[in-house]
Amino acid sequence: MTVTASQKSTTVRPSQRLVRAGFRALELVAPALGARWADRWWFTLPASPVSDLPPGGTAFEVESEGHVVRGHRWGSGPVVYLVHGWGGNETQLARFVPPLLAAGFSVVTHDAPSHGSSGPGAVAGQGHAVEMGRALDAVAAVHGPAHAVVAHSMGGLATGLALRYGWLGTERLALVAPMVRIGDHLPTLEAGLGFGPRIRERLKQRAYDRVGLAVDEVDLVRIADEIERPDLLVIHDPADRLARFASATELVSAWDGAQLTTVEGLGHHRILRDDAVVRQVVAFVVAGQLDELERSA
C-alpha cells in the first residue's frame, strides 16, 4: 500500500515529525479518529508513470463490481495474464509482451480499478488487493483460462486471491518481487506514522470492514494451503525495500516444487526492466507449455 516517507529516507522532515506527533496524540485520546486517518493513508494509491505499450494490442473494457477495467490483448494461443502491482499499471510489464508473443502466446494486460486508464474503484484514488483480485478475475472471465500468470508486487497477492476466491485457474505462476502478505506492511505504516496498538487494532477492523477479509487472511502463504497450486517461480531481490524477501522465501518453502531466483541490485521496480529476468520468466512459461504438450502426446 502507500509507501511512507520513512521508507524512502532516513532523514525525518518537519512535516513527518508533526504527523508522528499528531498520531501519538490520537493514540492516547482518540484512537478511532487516528484509525480513520491511518486507513486513508494506507489505502491511498501512489502515482506511477505510464509508458508505451507494444503495438498491435486490442483495447478492451470489462466490468468488475460496477467498475470499468481497461486493458489490452495481443496475439492468439494460450493466454498469459500480466498483472501489475500496487499503484502500478499495465505498461510496467510491457517488456514481457514481445517475447511471449514470439513464443506463441496470447498476452492480456489490464489496469486495476483506480489504476492507470481504468475507472475509479469503490473509492476514487484508493484501492486494495481484494479489489485488484476481483478485477483480474473479471478480465479472465472474458479472455479465457490462463496458461500462466506473471504478476509483480501486490499483483501476486491479487492473483492469489483470484485463485482462492474467484474463477481464475492457471498452470504456471511467476511472481516478480512479490508482496506476500499485507501484514508485512502494517509495522512500516505504524512506524512511519507513529501510532501504537490502540490505533492499529482499530485500523485492522476498518480494513476488514472495507475489504471483507482480515489482514491475516491476505497472505499468499496461507492461501497456498487453500488452492490447487500451479507451478511457481519467484524472482526477488533481497535488498528490495518494498516487499520483504524473507516472506518470499517462506512462500517458496511452503509451496512444493517452487523455484526461487535471487537477483541483486534490481530493487522493486527496476527488476521488471531487466532482460535476464524477462528471459527467465518467458522460459518458465514456455516450459509449462512443453509440459502440457508432453502430457497430451
Protein backbone atom coordinates (compact mmCIF):
# COMPACT_ATOMS: atom_id res chain seq x y z
CA MET A 1 0.00 0.00 0.00
CA THR A 2 1.13 3.63 0.24
CA VAL A 3 4.85 3.95 0.83
CA THR A 4 5.54 6.27 3.73
CA ALA A 5 8.31 8.81 3.65
CA SER A 6 10.19 6.82 6.27
CA GLN A 7 10.75 4.08 3.71
CA LYS A 8 12.38 6.47 1.26
CA SER A 9 14.84 8.31 3.51
CA THR A 10 16.39 8.17 6.93
CA THR A 11 16.01 11.96 7.22
CA VAL A 12 12.92 12.96 9.19
CA ARG A 13 11.46 16.20 7.81
CA PRO A 14 9.50 18.63 9.99
CA SER A 15 6.24 17.55 8.35
CA GLN A 16 6.95 13.94 9.32
CA ARG A 17 7.61 14.95 12.91
CA LEU A 18 4.28 16.78 13.00
CA VAL A 19 2.44 13.77 11.57
CA ARG A 20 4.00 11.44 14.12
CA ALA A 21 3.27 13.82 16.97
CA GLY A 22 -0.34 14.02 15.83
CA PHE A 23 -0.74 10.25 15.66
CA ARG A 24 0.89 9.81 19.06
CA ALA A 25 -1.69 12.20 20.50
CA LEU A 26 -4.55 10.42 18.73
CA GLU A 27 -3.26 7.09 20.07
CA LEU A 28 -3.87 8.40 23.57
CA VAL A 29 -7.06 10.45 23.27
CA ALA A 30 -8.88 9.48 20.04
CA PRO A 31 -7.69 6.14 18.59
CA ALA A 32 -10.82 5.75 16.45
CA LEU A 33 -10.09 9.05 14.71
CA GLY A 34 -6.45 8.04 14.36
CA ALA A 35 -7.51 4.77 12.74
CA ARG A 36 -9.70 6.67 10.28
CA TRP A 37 -6.78 8.85 9.20
CA ALA A 38 -4.38 5.88 9.07
CA ASP A 39 -6.92 3.99 6.94
CA ARG A 40 -6.94 6.82 4.40
CA TRP A 41 -3.13 6.88 4.38
CA TRP A 42 -2.85 3.11 3.97
CA PHE A 43 -5.32 2.70 1.12
CA THR A 44 -4.41 5.77 -0.95
CA LEU A 45 -2.62 4.85 -4.17
CA PRO A 46 0.79 6.27 -5.05
CA ALA A 47 1.29 7.78 -8.50
CA SER A 48 3.24 5.82 -11.11
CA PRO A 49 4.47 6.79 -14.58
CA VAL A 50 2.71 5.41 -17.67
CA SER A 51 4.89 4.39 -20.61
CA ASP A 52 4.17 2.93 -24.03
CA LEU A 53 2.72 -0.49 -24.75
CA PRO A 54 3.89 -2.65 -27.67
CA PRO A 55 1.95 -2.04 -30.89
CA GLY A 56 -0.82 -4.31 -32.09
CA GLY A 57 -2.75 -4.74 -28.88
CA THR A 58 -6.54 -4.67 -28.97
CA ALA A 59 -8.07 -2.47 -26.29
CA PHE A 60 -10.93 -3.84 -24.21
CA GLU A 61 -13.18 -2.91 -21.30
CA VAL A 62 -14.78 -5.21 -18.75
CA GLU A 63 -16.82 -4.50 -15.64
CA SER A 64 -15.75 -5.56 -12.17
CA GLU A 65 -18.24 -4.88 -9.37
CA GLY A 66 -19.54 -1.89 -11.30
CA HIS A 67 -16.05 -0.53 -12.02
CA VAL A 68 -14.70 -0.10 -15.54
CA VAL A 69 -11.47 -2.08 -16.06
CA ARG A 70 -9.48 -1.34 -19.22
CA GLY A 71 -6.71 -3.35 -20.80
CA HIS A 72 -5.18 -4.79 -23.97
CA ARG A 73 -4.80 -8.18 -25.64
CA TRP A 74 -2.21 -9.31 -28.18
CA GLY A 75 -1.92 -12.42 -30.31
CA SER A 76 -3.60 -15.81 -30.16
CA GLY A 77 -2.82 -19.05 -28.45
CA PRO A 78 -2.67 -19.99 -24.75
CA VAL A 79 -3.33 -16.94 -22.60
CA VAL A 80 -0.74 -15.34 -20.32
CA TYR A 81 -2.02 -12.65 -17.95
CA LEU A 82 0.37 -9.90 -16.86
CA VAL A 83 -0.70 -8.33 -13.55
CA HIS A 84 0.72 -5.05 -12.22
CA GLY A 85 1.19 -4.21 -8.57
CA TRP A 86 0.06 -1.58 -6.07
CA GLY A 87 -0.15 1.82 -7.70
CA GLY A 88 1.16 0.38 -10.96
CA ASN A 89 -0.30 -0.01 -14.42
CA GLU A 90 -0.22 -2.38 -17.39
CA THR A 91 2.67 -0.59 -19.10
CA GLN A 92 5.09 -1.64 -16.36
CA LEU A 93 5.12 -5.20 -17.73
CA ALA A 94 5.43 -4.16 -21.38
CA ARG A 95 8.84 -5.82 -21.82
CA PHE A 96 7.28 -9.25 -21.29
CA VAL A 97 4.81 -8.87 -24.17
CA PRO A 98 7.02 -9.25 -27.32
CA PRO A 99 8.91 -12.42 -26.24
CA LEU A 100 5.70 -14.07 -25.06
CA LEU A 101 4.05 -13.27 -28.40
CA ALA A 102 7.09 -14.64 -30.23
CA ALA A 103 6.74 -17.85 -28.20
CA GLY A 104 3.17 -18.31 -29.44
CA PHE A 105 1.11 -16.99 -26.55
CA SER A 106 -1.73 -14.51 -26.32
CA VAL A 107 -0.94 -11.80 -23.77
CA VAL A 108 -3.52 -9.93 -21.72
CA THR A 109 -2.84 -6.88 -19.54
CA HIS A 110 -5.17 -4.60 -17.63
CA ASP A 111 -5.25 -1.71 -15.16
CA ALA A 112 -6.94 -2.44 -11.84
CA PRO A 113 -9.67 -0.05 -10.65
CA SER A 114 -8.30 3.40 -9.76
CA HIS A 115 -5.07 2.47 -11.58
CA GLY A 116 -3.85 3.63 -14.99
CA SER A 117 -6.60 4.10 -17.54
CA SER A 118 -9.30 2.19 -15.65
CA GLY A 119 -12.19 3.88 -13.91
CA PRO A 120 -12.24 4.54 -10.18
CA GLY A 121 -12.78 1.74 -7.73
CA ALA A 122 -15.04 1.82 -4.68
CA VAL A 123 -13.15 4.92 -3.52
CA ALA A 124 -11.51 7.11 -6.17
CA GLY A 125 -7.76 7.27 -5.72
CA GLN A 126 -7.76 4.34 -3.32
CA GLY A 127 -7.64 0.59 -3.72
CA HIS A 128 -6.74 -2.73 -2.16
CA ALA A 129 -5.60 -6.23 -3.08
CA VAL A 130 -9.10 -7.74 -2.92
CA GLU A 131 -10.44 -5.20 -5.42
CA MET A 132 -7.42 -5.89 -7.64
CA GLY A 133 -8.04 -9.64 -7.44
CA ARG A 134 -11.69 -9.27 -8.40
CA ALA A 135 -10.70 -7.16 -11.41
CA LEU A 136 -8.26 -9.84 -12.57
CA ASP A 137 -10.98 -12.45 -12.18
CA ALA A 138 -13.38 -10.33 -14.28
CA VAL A 139 -10.75 -9.97 -17.02
CA ALA A 140 -10.04 -13.72 -17.03
CA ALA A 141 -13.76 -14.49 -17.23
CA VAL A 142 -13.84 -12.68 -20.58
CA HIS A 143 -10.47 -13.68 -22.03
CA GLY A 144 -10.40 -17.32 -21.01
CA PRO A 145 -8.41 -19.77 -18.91
CA ALA A 146 -4.84 -18.88 -18.09
CA HIS A 147 -1.86 -20.91 -19.16
CA ALA A 148 0.23 -18.65 -16.96
CA VAL A 149 0.03 -15.53 -14.83
CA VAL A 150 3.00 -13.20 -14.40
CA ALA A 151 2.48 -10.82 -11.50
CA HIS A 152 4.51 -8.04 -9.91
CA SER A 153 4.40 -6.88 -6.30
CA MET A 154 0.84 -6.79 -4.93
CA GLY A 155 -0.34 -8.23 -8.23
CA GLY A 156 0.84 -11.55 -6.81
CA LEU A 157 -1.48 -11.19 -3.83
CA ALA A 158 -4.31 -10.16 -6.17
CA THR A 159 -3.67 -13.29 -8.24
CA GLY A 160 -3.64 -15.48 -5.15
CA LEU A 161 -6.96 -14.04 -4.03
CA ALA A 162 -8.45 -14.63 -7.51
CA LEU A 163 -7.23 -18.23 -7.39
CA ARG A 164 -8.72 -18.70 -3.92
CA TYR A 165 -12.00 -16.81 -4.13
CA GLY A 166 -12.65 -16.37 -7.86
CA TRP A 167 -12.85 -18.45 -11.01
CA LEU A 168 -9.25 -17.96 -12.09
CA GLY A 169 -7.07 -21.01 -12.63
CA THR A 170 -3.58 -21.27 -14.08
CA GLU A 171 -0.92 -23.87 -14.86
CA ARG A 172 2.02 -21.57 -14.06
CA LEU A 173 2.52 -18.60 -11.78
CA ALA A 174 5.57 -16.30 -11.94
CA LEU A 175 5.86 -13.76 -9.13
CA VAL A 176 8.34 -10.92 -9.56
CA ALA A 177 9.22 -9.02 -6.35
CA PRO A 178 6.02 -10.29 -4.72
CA MET A 179 4.29 -8.75 -1.75
CA VAL A 180 3.42 -11.95 0.07
CA ARG A 181 1.25 -10.65 2.90
CA ILE A 182 -0.42 -7.35 3.72
CA GLY A 183 0.52 -7.76 7.35
CA ASP A 184 4.18 -7.21 6.41
CA HIS A 185 3.41 -3.56 5.72
CA LEU A 186 1.45 -2.70 8.84
CA PRO A 187 4.57 -2.32 11.05
CA THR A 188 6.09 0.02 8.44
CA LEU A 189 2.95 2.14 8.40
CA GLU A 190 2.84 2.12 12.20
CA ALA A 191 6.46 3.22 12.49
CA GLY A 192 6.11 5.82 9.74
CA LEU A 193 3.03 7.48 11.21
CA GLY A 194 3.95 6.95 14.85
CA PHE A 195 0.82 5.24 16.16
CA GLY A 196 0.53 2.31 18.54
CA PRO A 197 -1.64 -0.72 19.38
CA ARG A 198 -4.89 1.15 20.04
CA ILE A 199 -4.96 2.67 16.57
CA ARG A 200 -3.50 -0.47 14.99
CA GLU A 201 -6.33 -2.74 16.19
CA ARG A 202 -8.98 -0.28 15.07
CA LEU A 203 -7.23 0.09 11.72
CA LYS A 204 -7.29 -3.69 11.23
CA GLN A 205 -11.03 -3.67 11.91
CA ARG A 206 -11.54 -0.84 9.41
CA ALA A 207 -9.55 -2.81 6.84
CA TYR A 208 -11.76 -5.84 7.43
CA ASP A 209 -14.90 -3.73 7.06
CA ARG A 210 -13.57 -2.32 3.80
CA VAL A 211 -12.28 -5.46 2.02
CA GLY A 212 -14.20 -8.31 3.69
CA LEU A 213 -11.09 -10.21 4.78
CA ALA A 214 -8.97 -9.94 7.90
CA VAL A 215 -5.43 -8.63 7.43
CA ASP A 216 -4.05 -12.08 8.30
CA GLU A 217 -6.11 -13.67 5.52
CA VAL A 218 -4.49 -11.57 2.78
CA ASP A 219 -1.44 -13.80 2.80
CA LEU A 220 -0.08 -15.94 -0.05
CA VAL A 221 1.44 -18.48 2.34
CA ARG A 222 -1.97 -19.03 3.89
CA ILE A 223 -3.72 -19.02 0.50
CA ALA A 224 -1.28 -21.67 -0.75
CA ASP A 225 -2.87 -24.16 1.64
CA GLU A 226 -6.32 -23.48 0.19
CA ILE A 227 -5.82 -23.74 -3.58
CA GLU A 228 -4.70 -26.18 -6.23
CA ARG A 229 -1.18 -24.89 -6.60
CA PRO A 230 0.24 -24.13 -10.04
CA ASP A 231 3.95 -24.42 -10.75
CA LEU A 232 5.58 -21.42 -9.11
CA LEU A 233 8.60 -19.24 -9.94
CA VAL A 234 9.59 -16.40 -7.61
CA ILE A 235 12.20 -13.81 -8.59
CA HIS A 236 13.24 -11.40 -5.85
CA ASP A 237 15.99 -9.02 -4.76
CA PRO A 238 16.91 -9.49 -1.06
CA ALA A 239 17.54 -5.74 -0.87
CA ASP A 240 14.01 -4.90 -2.05
CA ARG A 241 12.76 -2.24 0.39
CA LEU A 242 9.07 -2.53 -0.52
CA ALA A 243 8.47 -6.29 -0.46
CA ARG A 244 10.03 -8.49 2.21
CA PHE A 245 12.41 -11.09 0.80
CA ALA A 246 12.03 -13.24 3.93
CA SER A 247 8.32 -13.63 3.22
CA ALA A 248 9.08 -14.68 -0.35
CA THR A 249 11.45 -17.40 0.87
CA GLU A 250 8.77 -18.54 3.31
CA LEU A 251 6.30 -18.81 0.44
CA VAL A 252 8.72 -20.84 -1.67
CA SER A 253 9.38 -23.20 1.26
CA ALA A 254 5.64 -23.74 1.74
CA TRP A 255 4.98 -24.39 -1.98
CA ASP A 256 6.11 -27.81 -3.17
CA GLY A 257 8.37 -27.61 -6.23
CA ALA A 258 8.57 -23.81 -6.23
CA GLN A 259 11.64 -22.17 -7.74
CA LEU A 260 13.35 -19.11 -6.25
CA THR A 261 15.76 -16.93 -8.21
CA THR A 262 17.67 -14.28 -6.29
CA VAL A 263 18.84 -11.16 -8.11
CA GLU A 264 20.93 -8.26 -6.87
CA GLY A 265 20.77 -4.53 -7.42
CA LEU A 266 17.37 -4.50 -9.15
CA GLY A 267 15.14 -3.42 -6.28
CA HIS A 268 11.38 -3.44 -6.54
CA HIS A 269 10.69 -1.80 -9.92
CA ARG A 270 13.85 -2.00 -12.00
CA ILE A 271 13.52 -5.79 -11.80
CA LEU A 272 10.69 -5.58 -14.37
CA ARG A 273 13.03 -3.98 -16.92
CA ASP A 274 15.89 -6.44 -16.56
CA ASP A 275 16.44 -8.55 -19.68
CA ALA A 276 17.64 -11.60 -17.73
CA VAL A 277 14.53 -11.54 -15.55
CA VAL A 278 12.28 -11.27 -18.61
CA ARG A 279 14.08 -14.19 -20.29
CA GLN A 280 13.73 -16.40 -17.21
CA VAL A 281 10.04 -15.68 -16.84
CA VAL A 282 9.38 -16.39 -20.52
CA ALA A 283 11.40 -19.63 -20.34
CA PHE A 284 9.35 -20.69 -17.31
CA VAL A 285 6.08 -20.00 -19.16
CA VAL A 286 7.31 -21.83 -22.28
CA ALA A 287 8.43 -24.83 -20.23
CA GLY A 288 4.91 -25.16 -18.93
CA GLN A 289 3.55 -25.29 -22.46
CA LEU A 290 6.05 -28.02 -23.36
CA ASP A 291 4.98 -30.00 -20.29
CA GLU A 292 1.34 -29.76 -21.41
CA LEU A 293 2.23 -30.98 -24.90
CA GLU A 294 4.11 -33.95 -23.46
CA ARG A 295 1.17 -34.87 -21.23
CA SER A 296 -1.25 -34.73 -24.16
CA ALA A 297 1.01 -36.73 -26.50
